[in-house]
PDB file of all heavy atoms in Angstrom:
ATOM      1  N   LYS A   1      87.148  97.802  98.653  1.00  0.00           N
ATOM      2  CA  LYS A   1      87.855  98.790  99.544  1.00  0.00           C
ATOM      3  C   LYS A   1      89.239  98.913  99.180  1.00  0.00           C
ATOM      4  O   LYS A   1      89.960  97.898  98.898  1.00  0.00           O
ATOM      5  CB  LYS A   1      87.778  98.372 101.000  1.00  0.00           C
ATOM      6  CG  LYS A   1      86.404  98.496 101.603  1.00  0.00           C
ATOM      7  CD  LYS A   1      86.442  98.110 103.102  1.00  0.00           C
ATOM      8  CE  LYS A   1      85.082  98.250 103.760  1.00  0.00           C
ATOM      9  NZ  LYS A   1      85.179  97.882 105.233  1.00  0.00           N
ATOM     10  N   ARG A   2      89.756 100.187  98.990  1.00  0.00           N
ATOM     11  CA  ARG A   2      91.165 100.461  98.662  1.00  0.00           C
ATOM     12  C   ARG A   2      91.804 101.216  99.742  1.00  0.00           C
ATOM     13  O   ARG A   2      91.190 102.268 100.211  1.00  0.00           O
ATOM     14  CB  ARG A   2      91.324 101.183  97.322  1.00  0.00           C
ATOM     15  CG  ARG A   2      90.822 100.413  96.109  1.00  0.00           C
ATOM     16  CD  ARG A   2      90.795 101.325  94.864  1.00  0.00           C
ATOM     17  NE  ARG A   2      92.145 101.880  94.566  1.00  0.00           N
ATOM     18  CZ  ARG A   2      93.007 101.288  93.766  1.00  0.00           C
ATOM     19  NH1 ARG A   2      92.721 100.097  93.282  1.00  0.00           N
ATOM     20  NH2 ARG A   2      94.163 101.848  93.549  1.00  0.00           N
ATOM     21  N   LEU A   3      92.985 100.851 100.191  1.00  0.00           N
ATOM     22  CA  LEU A   3      93.639 101.565 101.262  1.00  0.00           C
ATOM     23  C   LEU A   3      95.062 101.750 100.994  1.00  0.00           C
ATOM     24  O   LEU A   3      95.836 100.805 100.633  1.00  0.00           O
ATOM     25  CB  LEU A   3      93.502 100.779 102.624  1.00  0.00           C
ATOM     26  CG  LEU A   3      94.012 101.435 103.850  1.00  0.00           C
ATOM     27  CD1 LEU A   3      93.216 102.736 104.167  1.00  0.00           C
ATOM     28  CD2 LEU A   3      93.914 100.576 105.008  1.00  0.00           C
ATOM     29  N   ASN A   4      95.590 103.002 100.981  1.00  0.00           N
ATOM     30  CA  ASN A   4      96.950 103.258 100.700  1.00  0.00           C
ATOM     31  C   ASN A   4      97.727 103.108 101.917  1.00  0.00           C
ATOM     32  O   ASN A   4      97.583 103.828 102.943  1.00  0.00           O
ATOM     33  CB  ASN A   4      97.081 104.727 100.162  1.00  0.00           C
ATOM     34  CG  ASN A   4      98.518 105.023  99.696  1.00  0.00           C
ATOM     35  OD1 ASN A   4      99.391 104.211  99.874  1.00  0.00           O
ATOM     36  ND2 ASN A   4      98.715 106.348  99.295  1.00  0.00           N
ATOM     37  N   ILE A   5      98.688 102.068 101.981  1.00  0.00           N
ATOM     38  CA  ILE A   5      99.472 101.829 103.230  1.00  0.00           C
ATOM     39  C   ILE A   5     100.894 102.231 103.032  1.00  0.00           C
ATOM     40  O   ILE A   5     101.719 101.828 103.756  1.00  0.00           O
ATOM     41  CB  ILE A   5      99.364 100.270 103.505  1.00  0.00           C
ATOM     42  CG1 ILE A   5      99.979  99.508 102.355  1.00  0.00           C
ATOM     43  CG2 ILE A   5      97.945  99.843 103.832  1.00  0.00           C
ATOM     44  CD1 ILE A   5     100.151  97.995 102.669  1.00  0.00           C
ATOM     45  N   ARG A   6     101.165 103.124 102.015  1.00  0.00           N
ATOM     46  CA  ARG A   6     102.513 103.478 101.787  1.00  0.00           C
ATOM     47  C   ARG A   6     103.247 104.101 102.939  1.00  0.00           C
ATOM     48  O   ARG A   6     104.392 103.694 103.278  1.00  0.00           O
ATOM     49  CB  ARG A   6     102.580 104.619 100.669  1.00  0.00           C
ATOM     50  CG  ARG A   6     103.883 105.218 100.341  1.00  0.00           C
ATOM     51  CD  ARG A   6     104.820 104.233  99.739  1.00  0.00           C
ATOM     52  NE  ARG A   6     106.106 104.807  99.356  1.00  0.00           N
ATOM     53  CZ  ARG A   6     107.109 105.104 100.136  1.00  0.00           C
ATOM     54  NH1 ARG A   6     106.936 104.864 101.461  1.00  0.00           N
ATOM     55  NH2 ARG A   6     108.248 105.625  99.747  1.00  0.00           N
ATOM     56  N   ASN A   7     102.615 104.940 103.824  1.00  0.00           N
ATOM     57  CA  ASN A   7     103.249 105.488 104.951  1.00  0.00           C
ATOM     58  C   ASN A   7     103.257 104.610 106.188  1.00  0.00           C
ATOM     59  O   ASN A   7     103.781 104.947 107.213  1.00  0.00           O
ATOM     60  CB  ASN A   7     102.487 106.807 105.339  1.00  0.00           C
ATOM     61  CG  ASN A   7     102.659 107.863 104.256  1.00  0.00           C
ATOM     62  OD1 ASN A   7     103.654 107.926 103.583  1.00  0.00           O
ATOM     63  ND2 ASN A   7     101.630 108.596 104.071  1.00  0.00           N
ATOM     64  N   LEU A   8     102.702 103.365 106.058  1.00  0.00           N
ATOM     65  CA  LEU A   8     102.775 102.409 107.185  1.00  0.00           C
ATOM     66  C   LEU A   8     103.898 101.395 107.093  1.00  0.00           C
ATOM     67  O   LEU A   8     104.224 100.681 107.983  1.00  0.00           O
ATOM     68  CB  LEU A   8     101.426 101.587 107.205  1.00  0.00           C
ATOM     69  CG  LEU A   8     100.091 102.455 107.316  1.00  0.00           C
ATOM     70  CD1 LEU A   8      98.950 101.434 107.471  1.00  0.00           C
ATOM     71  CD2 LEU A   8     100.130 103.413 108.493  1.00  0.00           C
ATOM     72  N   ILE A   9     104.565 101.449 105.902  1.00  0.00           N
ATOM     73  CA  ILE A   9     105.622 100.435 105.636  1.00  0.00           C
ATOM     74  C   ILE A   9     106.914 100.854 106.223  1.00  0.00           C
ATOM     75  O   ILE A   9     107.430 101.954 105.959  1.00  0.00           O
ATOM     76  CB  ILE A   9     105.748 100.261 104.025  1.00  0.00           C
ATOM     77  CG1 ILE A   9     104.469  99.715 103.475  1.00  0.00           C
ATOM     78  CG2 ILE A   9     106.951  99.252 103.739  1.00  0.00           C
ATOM     79  CD1 ILE A   9     104.451  99.707 101.958  1.00  0.00           C
ATOM     80  N   THR A  10     107.528  99.934 107.028  1.00  0.00           N
ATOM     81  CA  THR A  10     108.829 100.234 107.601  1.00  0.00           C
ATOM     82  C   THR A  10     109.907  99.357 107.001  1.00  0.00           C
ATOM     83  O   THR A  10     111.120  99.615 107.245  1.00  0.00           O
ATOM     84  CB  THR A  10     108.767 100.079 109.206  1.00  0.00           C
ATOM     85  OG1 THR A  10     108.330  98.741 109.410  1.00  0.00           O
ATOM     86  CG2 THR A  10     107.753 101.078 109.745  1.00  0.00           C
ATOM     87  N   GLU A  11     109.504  98.340 106.365  1.00  0.00           N
ATOM     88  CA  GLU A  11     110.526  97.424 105.668  1.00  0.00           C
ATOM     89  C   GLU A  11     109.854  96.795 104.446  1.00  0.00           C
ATOM     90  O   GLU A  11     108.663  96.443 104.559  1.00  0.00           O
ATOM     91  CB  GLU A  11     111.027  96.373 106.628  1.00  0.00           C
ATOM     92  CG  GLU A  11     112.053  95.472 106.069  1.00  0.00           C
ATOM     93  CD  GLU A  11     112.577  94.414 107.005  1.00  0.00           C
ATOM     94  OE1 GLU A  11     112.643  94.623 108.206  1.00  0.00           O
ATOM     95  OE2 GLU A  11     112.921  93.227 106.531  1.00  0.00           O
ATOM     96  N   PHE A  12     110.632  96.675 103.394  1.00  0.00           N
ATOM     97  CA  PHE A  12     110.067  96.238 102.100  1.00  0.00           C
ATOM     98  C   PHE A  12     111.017  95.390 101.377  1.00  0.00           C
ATOM     99  O   PHE A  12     112.212  95.746 101.206  1.00  0.00           O
ATOM    100  CB  PHE A  12     109.717  97.466 101.270  1.00  0.00           C
ATOM    101  CG  PHE A  12     108.976  97.193 100.055  1.00  0.00           C
ATOM    102  CD1 PHE A  12     107.590  97.091  99.942  1.00  0.00           C
ATOM    103  CD2 PHE A  12     109.699  97.023  98.863  1.00  0.00           C
ATOM    104  CE1 PHE A  12     106.920  96.854  98.828  1.00  0.00           C
ATOM    105  CE2 PHE A  12     109.077  96.730  97.613  1.00  0.00           C
ATOM    106  CZ  PHE A  12     107.659  96.708  97.619  1.00  0.00           C
ATOM    107  N   ASN A  13     110.610  94.190 100.900  1.00  0.00           N
ATOM    108  CA  ASN A  13     111.568  93.298 100.240  1.00  0.00           C
ATOM    109  C   ASN A  13     110.852  92.586  99.022  1.00  0.00           C
ATOM    110  O   ASN A  13     109.657  92.245  99.115  1.00  0.00           O
ATOM    111  CB  ASN A  13     112.035  92.141 101.181  1.00  0.00           C
ATOM    112  CG  ASN A  13     112.741  92.694 102.297  1.00  0.00           C
ATOM    113  OD1 ASN A  13     113.890  93.124 102.211  1.00  0.00           O
ATOM    114  ND2 ASN A  13     112.095  92.594 103.524  1.00  0.00           N
ATOM    115  N   ILE A  14     111.480  92.445  97.916  1.00  0.00           N
ATOM    116  CA  ILE A  14     110.970  91.676  96.818  1.00  0.00           C
ATOM    117  C   ILE A  14     112.040  90.586  96.490  1.00  0.00           C
ATOM    118  O   ILE A  14     113.298  90.901  96.439  1.00  0.00           O
ATOM    119  CB  ILE A  14     110.799  92.507  95.479  1.00  0.00           C
ATOM    120  CG1 ILE A  14     109.647  93.531  95.713  1.00  0.00           C
ATOM    121  CG2 ILE A  14     110.471  91.674  94.261  1.00  0.00           C
ATOM    122  CD1 ILE A  14     109.359  94.405  94.608  1.00  0.00           C
ATOM    123  N   TYR A  15     111.558  89.327  96.248  1.00  0.00           N
ATOM    124  CA  TYR A  15     112.468  88.308  96.078  1.00  0.00           C
ATOM    125  C   TYR A  15     112.328  87.731  94.620  1.00  0.00           C
ATOM    126  O   TYR A  15     111.202  87.301  94.169  1.00  0.00           O
ATOM    127  CB  TYR A  15     112.173  87.099  97.032  1.00  0.00           C
ATOM    128  CG  TYR A  15     112.178  87.610  98.463  1.00  0.00           C
ATOM    129  CD1 TYR A  15     111.052  87.735  99.204  1.00  0.00           C
ATOM    130  CD2 TYR A  15     113.434  87.892  99.075  1.00  0.00           C
ATOM    131  CE1 TYR A  15     111.086  88.123 100.524  1.00  0.00           C
ATOM    132  CE2 TYR A  15     113.541  88.328 100.414  1.00  0.00           C
ATOM    133  CZ  TYR A  15     112.376  88.496 101.155  1.00  0.00           C
ATOM    134  OH  TYR A  15     112.420  88.906 102.407  1.00  0.00           O
ATOM    135  N   GLU A  16     113.420  87.730  93.979  1.00  0.00           N
ATOM    136  CA  GLU A  16     113.458  87.153  92.497  1.00  0.00           C
ATOM    137  C   GLU A  16     114.631  86.228  92.498  1.00  0.00           C
ATOM    138  O   GLU A  16     115.851  86.654  92.610  1.00  0.00           O
ATOM    139  CB  GLU A  16     113.657  88.343  91.596  1.00  0.00           C
ATOM    140  CG  GLU A  16     113.833  87.954  90.121  1.00  0.00           C
ATOM    141  CD  GLU A  16     114.067  89.273  89.238  1.00  0.00           C
ATOM    142  OE1 GLU A  16     113.188  90.103  89.253  1.00  0.00           O
ATOM    143  OE2 GLU A  16     115.159  89.201  88.584  1.00  0.00           O
ATOM    144  N   LYS A  17     114.316  84.941  92.347  1.00  0.00           N
ATOM    145  CA  LYS A  17     115.410  83.933  92.483  1.00  0.00           C
ATOM    146  C   LYS A  17     115.408  82.896  91.372  1.00  0.00           C
ATOM    147  O   LYS A  17     114.312  82.549  90.887  1.00  0.00           O
ATOM    148  CB  LYS A  17     115.178  83.130  93.747  1.00  0.00           C
ATOM    149  CG  LYS A  17     115.269  83.997  95.044  1.00  0.00           C
ATOM    150  CD  LYS A  17     115.016  83.200  96.330  1.00  0.00           C
ATOM    151  CE  LYS A  17     113.544  82.759  96.485  1.00  0.00           C
ATOM    152  NZ  LYS A  17     113.270  82.049  97.629  1.00  0.00           N
ATOM    153  N   LEU A  18     116.590  82.464  90.898  1.00  0.00           N
ATOM    154  CA  LEU A  18     116.614  81.422  89.843  1.00  0.00           C
ATOM    155  C   LEU A  18     116.082  80.120  90.336  1.00  0.00           C
ATOM    156  O   LEU A  18     115.633  79.337  89.497  1.00  0.00           O
ATOM    157  CB  LEU A  18     118.128  81.277  89.429  1.00  0.00           C
ATOM    158  CG  LEU A  18     118.678  82.423  88.556  1.00  0.00           C
ATOM    159  CD1 LEU A  18     120.076  82.130  88.255  1.00  0.00           C
ATOM    160  CD2 LEU A  18     117.878  82.623  87.297  1.00  0.00           C
ATOM    161  N   ASN A  19     116.152  79.877  91.687  1.00  0.00           N
ATOM    162  CA  ASN A  19     115.652  78.569  92.155  1.00  0.00           C
ATOM    163  C   ASN A  19     114.282  78.825  92.774  1.00  0.00           C
ATOM    164  O   ASN A  19     113.783  77.897  93.519  1.00  0.00           O
ATOM    165  CB  ASN A  19     116.552  77.927  93.102  1.00  0.00           C
ATOM    166  CG  ASN A  19     116.878  78.898  94.360  1.00  0.00           C
ATOM    167  OD1 ASN A  19     116.435  80.070  94.404  1.00  0.00           O
ATOM    168  ND2 ASN A  19     117.423  78.387  95.350  1.00  0.00           N
ATOM    169  N   GLY A  20     113.658  79.881  92.551  1.00  0.00           N
ATOM    170  CA  GLY A  20     112.223  80.137  93.003  1.00  0.00           C
ATOM    171  C   GLY A  20     111.260  80.322  91.858  1.00  0.00           C
ATOM    172  O   GLY A  20     111.691  81.047  90.811  1.00  0.00           O
ATOM    173  N   ASP A  21     110.146  79.686  91.813  1.00  0.00           N
ATOM    174  CA  ASP A  21     109.291  79.739  90.658  1.00  0.00           C
ATOM    175  C   ASP A  21     108.636  81.091  90.402  1.00  0.00           C
ATOM    176  O   ASP A  21     108.342  81.466  89.288  1.00  0.00           O
ATOM    177  CB  ASP A  21     108.252  78.653  90.799  1.00  0.00           C
ATOM    178  CG  ASP A  21     108.887  77.255  90.935  1.00  0.00           C
ATOM    179  OD1 ASP A  21     109.643  76.900  90.066  1.00  0.00           O
ATOM    180  OD2 ASP A  21     108.511  76.620  91.950  1.00  0.00           O
ATOM    181  N   PHE A  22     108.278  81.755  91.510  1.00  0.00           N
ATOM    182  CA  PHE A  22     107.414  82.942  91.397  1.00  0.00           C
ATOM    183  C   PHE A  22     108.028  84.166  92.082  1.00  0.00           C
ATOM    184  O   PHE A  22     108.816  84.028  93.070  1.00  0.00           O
ATOM    185  CB  PHE A  22     106.041  82.705  91.999  1.00  0.00           C
ATOM    186  CG  PHE A  22     105.361  81.502  91.435  1.00  0.00           C
ATOM    187  CD1 PHE A  22     105.217  80.366  92.133  1.00  0.00           C
ATOM    188  CD2 PHE A  22     104.823  81.510  90.138  1.00  0.00           C
ATOM    189  CE1 PHE A  22     104.685  79.195  91.599  1.00  0.00           C
ATOM    190  CE2 PHE A  22     104.277  80.443  89.575  1.00  0.00           C
ATOM    191  CZ  PHE A  22     104.177  79.263  90.315  1.00  0.00           C
ATOM    192  N   LEU A  23     107.718  85.331  91.630  1.00  0.00           N
ATOM    193  CA  LEU A  23     108.055  86.583  92.364  1.00  0.00           C
ATOM    194  C   LEU A  23     107.276  86.623  93.592  1.00  0.00           C
ATOM    195  O   LEU A  23     106.094  86.217  93.686  1.00  0.00           O
ATOM    196  CB  LEU A  23     107.739  87.794  91.513  1.00  0.00           C
ATOM    197  CG  LEU A  23     108.615  88.316  90.457  1.00  0.00           C
ATOM    198  CD1 LEU A  23     108.053  89.504  89.705  1.00  0.00           C
ATOM    199  CD2 LEU A  23     109.992  88.651  91.003  1.00  0.00           C
ATOM    200  N   SER A  24     107.933  86.969  94.716  1.00  0.00           N
ATOM    201  CA  SER A  24     107.283  87.147  95.942  1.00  0.00           C
ATOM    202  C   SER A  24     107.953  88.338  96.739  1.00  0.00           C
ATOM    203  O   SER A  24     108.875  88.942  96.324  1.00  0.00           O
ATOM    204  CB  SER A  24     107.433  85.822  96.750  1.00  0.00           C
ATOM    205  OG  SER A  24     108.794  85.522  97.067  1.00  0.00           O
ATOM    206  N   GLY A  25     107.365  88.610  97.879  1.00  0.00           N
ATOM    207  CA  GLY A  25     107.938  89.676  98.681  1.00  0.00           C
ATOM    208  C   GLY A  25     107.286  89.750  99.999  1.00  0.00           C
ATOM    209  O   GLY A  25     106.417  88.982 100.280  1.00  0.00           O
ATOM    210  N   ASP A  26     107.696  90.682 100.876  1.00  0.00           N
ATOM    211  CA  ASP A  26     107.125  90.943 102.107  1.00  0.00           C
ATOM    212  C   ASP A  26     107.219  92.380 102.528  1.00  0.00           C
ATOM    213  O   ASP A  26     108.146  93.098 102.019  1.00  0.00           O
ATOM    214  CB  ASP A  26     107.590  89.992 103.194  1.00  0.00           C
ATOM    215  CG  ASP A  26     109.085  90.037 103.336  1.00  0.00           C
ATOM    216  OD1 ASP A  26     109.650  91.135 103.633  1.00  0.00           O
ATOM    217  OD2 ASP A  26     109.772  89.024 103.258  1.00  0.00           O
ATOM    218  N   MET A  27     106.394  92.888 103.383  1.00  0.00           N
ATOM    219  CA  MET A  27     106.523  94.267 103.925  1.00  0.00           C
ATOM    220  C   MET A  27     106.184  94.217 105.395  1.00  0.00           C
ATOM    221  O   MET A  27     105.273  93.454 105.774  1.00  0.00           O
ATOM    222  CB  MET A  27     105.728  95.221 103.162  1.00  0.00           C
ATOM    223  CG  MET A  27     104.205  94.859 103.092  1.00  0.00           C
ATOM    224  SD  MET A  27     103.295  96.088 102.022  1.00  0.00           S
ATOM    225  CE  MET A  27     103.963  95.621 100.419  1.00  0.00           C
ATOM    226  N   VAL A  28     106.923  94.981 106.213  1.00  0.00           N
ATOM    227  CA  VAL A  28     106.647  95.103 107.600  1.00  0.00           C
ATOM    228  C   VAL A  28     105.785  96.332 107.737  1.00  0.00           C
ATOM    229  O   VAL A  28     106.146  97.474 107.277  1.00  0.00           O
ATOM    230  CB  VAL A  28     107.896  95.150 108.495  1.00  0.00           C
ATOM    231  CG1 VAL A  28     107.554  95.453 109.881  1.00  0.00           C
ATOM    232  CG2 VAL A  28     108.701  93.926 108.344  1.00  0.00           C
ATOM    233  N   ILE A  29     104.623  96.127 108.413  1.00  0.00           N
ATOM    234  CA  ILE A  29     103.636  97.254 108.586  1.00  0.00           C
ATOM    235  C   ILE A  29     103.639  97.705 110.039  1.00  0.00           C
ATOM    236  O   ILE A  29     103.504  96.842 110.953  1.00  0.00           O
ATOM    237  CB  ILE A  29     102.238  96.812 108.147  1.00  0.00           C
ATOM    238  CG1 ILE A  29     102.255  96.252 106.689  1.00  0.00           C
ATOM    239  CG2 ILE A  29     101.295  97.918 108.291  1.00  0.00           C
ATOM    240  CD1 ILE A  29     102.623  97.237 105.682  1.00  0.00           C
TER     241      ILE A  29
END
């Protein structure tokens, strides 16, 4: 199942840190 949630997103963040091992992020739906 594929669902486009682009229009449901009200906040969006991507975290890229020198003291963080992996890319991560969050979105408020």
